[in-house]
């Protein structure tokens, strides 16, 4: 192989490596976007009242995640309920679980107090939006 063929080959290989790196960076950025994560394109709080189920399913002093409705409901005292959006305020991902009173965002690790909506660990900086909730006929209605 001549010197000019070798230089041309290195140029092609460098270009291919740069293209692969750019594609990989695009995938990384896409992972941080809200597109395609169950929370994108829908409001953080319900536009209309939604029935969540039996009020008794939320333990006194605890909380329950209604992931399909993108809501967390806590019960600080018997018959008292507080609700918050379960859509992370960082990138819009829907929280995946409540562990020791904390809502967890699976995308970047933000943690929220399930009883207050406050950020306990970032990268999120804004609390979860409050959502009106009431018990009616033994059922919880949010929104």
C-alpha atoms as a PDB file:
ATOM      1  CA  UNK A   1       0.000   0.000   0.000  1.00  0.00           C
ATOM      2  CA  UNK A   2       1.436   3.407  -0.921  1.00  0.00           C
ATOM      3  CA  UNK A   3       1.703   6.317   1.506  1.00  0.00           C
ATOM      4  CA  UNK A   4      -1.132   8.195  -0.254  1.00  0.00           C
ATOM      5  CA  UNK A   5      -3.435   5.117  -0.113  1.00  0.00           C
ATOM      6  CA  UNK A   6      -2.601   4.665   3.573  1.00  0.00           C
ATOM      7  CA  UNK A   7      -3.383   8.342   4.322  1.00  0.00           C
ATOM      8  CA  UNK A   8      -6.678   8.096   2.398  1.00  0.00           C
ATOM      9  CA  UNK A   9      -7.631   4.963   4.344  1.00  0.00           C
ATOM     10  CA  UNK A  10      -6.909   6.704   7.681  1.00  0.00           C
ATOM     11  CA  UNK A  11      -9.092   9.640   6.626  1.00  0.00           C
ATOM     12  CA  UNK A  12     -11.991   7.309   5.795  1.00  0.00           C
ATOM     13  CA  UNK A  13     -11.578   5.433   9.092  1.00  0.00           C
ATOM     14  CA  UNK A  14     -11.419   8.678  11.090  1.00  0.00           C
ATOM     15  CA  UNK A  15     -14.579   9.896   9.352  1.00  0.00           C
ATOM     16  CA  UNK A  16     -16.363   6.630  10.138  1.00  0.00           C
ATOM     17  CA  UNK A  17     -15.286   6.839  13.784  1.00  0.00           C
ATOM     18  CA  UNK A  18     -16.477  10.450  14.019  1.00  0.00           C
ATOM     19  CA  UNK A  19     -19.840   9.495  12.504  1.00  0.00           C
ATOM     20  CA  UNK A  20     -20.227   6.584  14.944  1.00  0.00           C
ATOM     21  CA  UNK A  21     -19.362   8.879  17.859  1.00  0.00           C
ATOM     22  CA  UNK A  22     -21.917  11.456  16.727  1.00  0.00           C
ATOM     23  CA  UNK A  23     -24.583   8.765  16.407  1.00  0.00           C
ATOM     24  CA  UNK A  24     -23.767   7.530  19.910  1.00  0.00           C
ATOM     25  CA  UNK A  25     -24.019  11.070  21.278  1.00  0.00           C
ATOM     26  CA  UNK A  26     -27.416  11.400  19.616  1.00  0.00           C
ATOM     27  CA  UNK A  27     -28.600   8.241  21.375  1.00  0.00           C
ATOM     28  CA  UNK A  28     -27.353   9.604  24.688  1.00  0.00           C
ATOM     29  CA  UNK A  29     -29.191  12.883  24.168  1.00  0.00           C
ATOM     30  CA  UNK A  30     -32.331  11.039  23.151  1.00  0.00           C
ATOM     31  CA  UNK A  31     -32.206   9.127  26.435  1.00  0.00           C
ATOM     32  CA  UNK A  32     -32.338  12.460  28.313  1.00  0.00           C
ATOM     33  CA  UNK A  33     -35.232  13.812  26.300  1.00  0.00           C
ATOM     34  CA  UNK A  34     -38.849  13.398  27.316  1.00  0.00           C
ATOM     35  CA  UNK A  35     -39.776  11.787  23.999  1.00  0.00           C
ATOM     36  CA  UNK A  36     -40.801   8.175  24.273  1.00  0.00           C
ATOM     37  CA  UNK A  37     -40.887   8.042  28.095  1.00  0.00           C
ATOM     38  CA  UNK A  38     -44.425   7.452  29.259  1.00  0.00           C
ATOM     39  CA  UNK A  39     -44.678  11.083  30.405  1.00  0.00           C
ATOM     40  CA  UNK A  40     -44.042  12.992  27.191  1.00  0.00           C
ATOM     41  CA  UNK A  41     -46.764  14.825  25.388  1.00  0.00           C
ATOM     42  CA  UNK A  42     -49.265  14.651  28.215  1.00  0.00           C
ATOM     43  CA  UNK A  43     -49.920  17.152  30.986  1.00  0.00           C
ATOM     44  CA  UNK A  44     -48.301  16.670  34.370  1.00  0.00           C
ATOM     45  CA  UNK A  45     -51.701  17.009  36.061  1.00  0.00           C
ATOM     46  CA  UNK A  46     -55.082  15.653  34.931  1.00  0.00           C
ATOM     47  CA  UNK A  47     -57.226  18.072  32.927  1.00  0.00           C
ATOM     48  CA  UNK A  48     -60.416  16.402  34.191  1.00  0.00           C
ATOM     49  CA  UNK A  49     -61.258  14.513  37.391  1.00  0.00           C
ATOM     50  CA  UNK A  50     -60.137  10.876  37.334  1.00  0.00           C
ATOM     51  CA  UNK A  51     -61.167   8.049  39.626  1.00  0.00           C
ATOM     52  CA  UNK A  52     -58.153   6.305  41.159  1.00  0.00           C
ATOM     53  CA  UNK A  53     -59.792   3.488  43.102  1.00  0.00           C
ATOM     54  CA  UNK A  54     -60.553   2.726  46.721  1.00  0.00           C
ATOM     55  CA  UNK A  55     -59.337   5.300  49.220  1.00  0.00           C
ATOM     56  CA  UNK A  56     -58.454   2.420  51.559  1.00  0.00           C
ATOM     57  CA  UNK A  57     -55.660   1.384  49.149  1.00  0.00           C
ATOM     58  CA  UNK A  58     -53.579   4.362  50.342  1.00  0.00           C
ATOM     59  CA  UNK A  59     -52.147   3.511  53.776  1.00  0.00           C
ATOM     60  CA  UNK A  60     -52.385   6.067  56.577  1.00  0.00           C
ATOM     61  CA  UNK A  61     -48.919   7.596  56.937  1.00  0.00           C
ATOM     62  CA  UNK A  62     -47.933   6.238  53.525  1.00  0.00           C
ATOM     63  CA  UNK A  63     -48.445   6.817  49.826  1.00  0.00           C
ATOM     64  CA  UNK A  64     -49.446   4.979  46.674  1.00  0.00           C
ATOM     65  CA  UNK A  65     -48.203   5.465  43.133  1.00  0.00           C
ATOM     66  CA  UNK A  66     -50.821   5.410  40.377  1.00  0.00           C
ATOM     67  CA  UNK A  67     -48.269   5.177  37.572  1.00  0.00           C
ATOM     68  CA  UNK A  68     -50.816   4.721  34.763  1.00  0.00           C
ATOM     69  CA  UNK A  69     -52.507   7.974  35.904  1.00  0.00           C
ATOM     70  CA  UNK A  70     -49.141   9.664  36.614  1.00  0.00           C
ATOM     71  CA  UNK A  71     -50.153  10.475  40.196  1.00  0.00           C
ATOM     72  CA  UNK A  72     -48.918   9.901  43.748  1.00  0.00           C
ATOM     73  CA  UNK A  73     -51.431  10.049  46.593  1.00  0.00           C
ATOM     74  CA  UNK A  74     -50.362  10.224  50.229  1.00  0.00           C
ATOM     75  CA  UNK A  75     -52.484   9.894  53.356  1.00  0.00           C
ATOM     76  CA  UNK A  76     -50.929  11.883  56.225  1.00  0.00           C
ATOM     77  CA  UNK A  77     -53.871  11.105  58.558  1.00  0.00           C
ATOM     78  CA  UNK A  78     -57.067   9.055  58.413  1.00  0.00           C
ATOM     79  CA  UNK A  79     -59.364  10.555  55.760  1.00  0.00           C
ATOM     80  CA  UNK A  80     -56.826  13.180  54.592  1.00  0.00           C
ATOM     81  CA  UNK A  81     -55.255  12.860  51.169  1.00  0.00           C
ATOM     82  CA  UNK A  82     -52.687  14.795  49.173  1.00  0.00           C
ATOM     83  CA  UNK A  83     -51.905  14.172  45.524  1.00  0.00           C
ATOM     84  CA  UNK A  84     -49.027  15.152  43.281  1.00  0.00           C
ATOM     85  CA  UNK A  85     -48.083  14.622  39.691  1.00  0.00           C
ATOM     86  CA  UNK A  86     -45.829  11.569  39.336  1.00  0.00           C
ATOM     87  CA  UNK A  87     -44.133  13.116  36.307  1.00  0.00           C
ATOM     88  CA  UNK A  88     -40.568  14.163  37.148  1.00  0.00           C
ATOM     89  CA  UNK A  89     -39.987  17.893  36.837  1.00  0.00           C
ATOM     90  CA  UNK A  90     -36.498  17.324  35.411  1.00  0.00           C
ATOM     91  CA  UNK A  91     -37.148  15.522  32.111  1.00  0.00           C
ATOM     92  CA  UNK A  92     -40.771  14.398  32.335  1.00  0.00           C
ATOM     93  CA  UNK A  93     -40.241  10.712  33.107  1.00  0.00           C
ATOM     94  CA  UNK A  94     -42.943   9.034  35.166  1.00  0.00           C
ATOM     95  CA  UNK A  95     -41.838   7.922  38.629  1.00  0.00           C
ATOM     96  CA  UNK A  96     -41.557   4.151  38.869  1.00  0.00           C
ATOM     97  CA  UNK A  97     -41.880   3.401  42.586  1.00  0.00           C
ATOM     98  CA  UNK A  98     -42.216   4.729  46.101  1.00  0.00           C
ATOM     99  CA  UNK A  99     -39.498   3.539  48.442  1.00  0.00           C
ATOM    100  CA  UNK A 100     -39.374   4.628  52.097  1.00  0.00           C
ATOM    101  CA  UNK A 101     -41.726   7.540  51.399  1.00  0.00           C
ATOM    102  CA  UNK A 102     -39.764   8.720  48.369  1.00  0.00           C
ATOM    103  CA  UNK A 103     -40.898   8.730  44.745  1.00  0.00           C
ATOM    104  CA  UNK A 104     -38.124   7.562  42.429  1.00  0.00           C
ATOM    105  CA  UNK A 105     -37.460   8.767  38.888  1.00  0.00           C
ATOM    106  CA  UNK A 106     -35.945   5.904  36.883  1.00  0.00           C
ATOM    107  CA  UNK A 107     -34.413   8.162  34.230  1.00  0.00           C
ATOM    108  CA  UNK A 108     -31.876  10.216  36.179  1.00  0.00           C
ATOM    109  CA  UNK A 109     -32.368   9.315  39.846  1.00  0.00           C
ATOM    110  CA  UNK A 110     -34.323  12.303  41.143  1.00  0.00           C
ATOM    111  CA  UNK A 111     -36.162  11.570  44.402  1.00  0.00           C
ATOM    112  CA  UNK A 112     -39.265  13.317  45.718  1.00  0.00           C
ATOM    113  CA  UNK A 113     -40.995  13.317  49.111  1.00  0.00           C
ATOM    114  CA  UNK A 114     -44.249  11.434  48.446  1.00  0.00           C
ATOM    115  CA  UNK A 115     -46.037  13.388  51.207  1.00  0.00           C
ATOM    116  CA  UNK A 116     -45.056  16.895  50.068  1.00  0.00           C
ATOM    117  CA  UNK A 117     -43.798  16.629  46.475  1.00  0.00           C
ATOM    118  CA  UNK A 118     -40.524  18.331  47.463  1.00  0.00           C
ATOM    119  CA  UNK A 119     -37.282  17.411  45.703  1.00  0.00           C
ATOM    120  CA  UNK A 120     -35.045  15.310  47.949  1.00  0.00           C
ATOM    121  CA  UNK A 121     -32.352  14.550  45.354  1.00  0.00           C
ATOM    122  CA  UNK A 122     -31.710  16.033  41.916  1.00  0.00           C
ATOM    123  CA  UNK A 123     -31.122  16.596  39.129  1.00  0.00           C
ATOM    124  CA  UNK A 124     -34.745  17.829  39.424  1.00  0.00           C
ATOM    125  CA  UNK A 125     -34.960  21.250  41.092  1.00  0.00           C
ATOM    126  CA  UNK A 126     -38.724  21.872  41.078  1.00  0.00           C
ATOM    127  CA  UNK A 127     -41.218  20.046  43.325  1.00  0.00           C
ATOM    128  CA  UNK A 128     -43.935  17.817  41.911  1.00  0.00           C
ATOM    129  CA  UNK A 129     -47.076  19.842  41.112  1.00  0.00           C
ATOM    130  CA  UNK A 130     -49.927  19.403  43.602  1.00  0.00           C
ATOM    131  CA  UNK A 131     -53.174  17.924  42.294  1.00  0.00           C
ATOM    132  CA  UNK A 132     -56.534  18.329  44.043  1.00  0.00           C
ATOM    133  CA  UNK A 133     -57.803  15.022  45.452  1.00  0.00           C
ATOM    134  CA  UNK A 134     -60.848  14.014  47.478  1.00  0.00           C
ATOM    135  CA  UNK A 135     -62.443  10.884  48.836  1.00  0.00           C
ATOM    136  CA  UNK A 136     -66.003  10.406  47.638  1.00  0.00           C
ATOM    137  CA  UNK A 137     -68.064   7.314  48.366  1.00  0.00           C
ATOM    138  CA  UNK A 138     -64.925   5.427  49.444  1.00  0.00           C
ATOM    139  CA  UNK A 139     -63.149   6.234  46.150  1.00  0.00           C
ATOM    140  CA  UNK A 140     -60.383   8.702  45.431  1.00  0.00           C
ATOM    141  CA  UNK A 141     -61.027  11.340  42.781  1.00  0.00           C
ATOM    142  CA  UNK A 142     -58.060  13.418  41.557  1.00  0.00           C
ATOM    143  CA  UNK A 143     -58.106  16.524  39.396  1.00  0.00           C
END
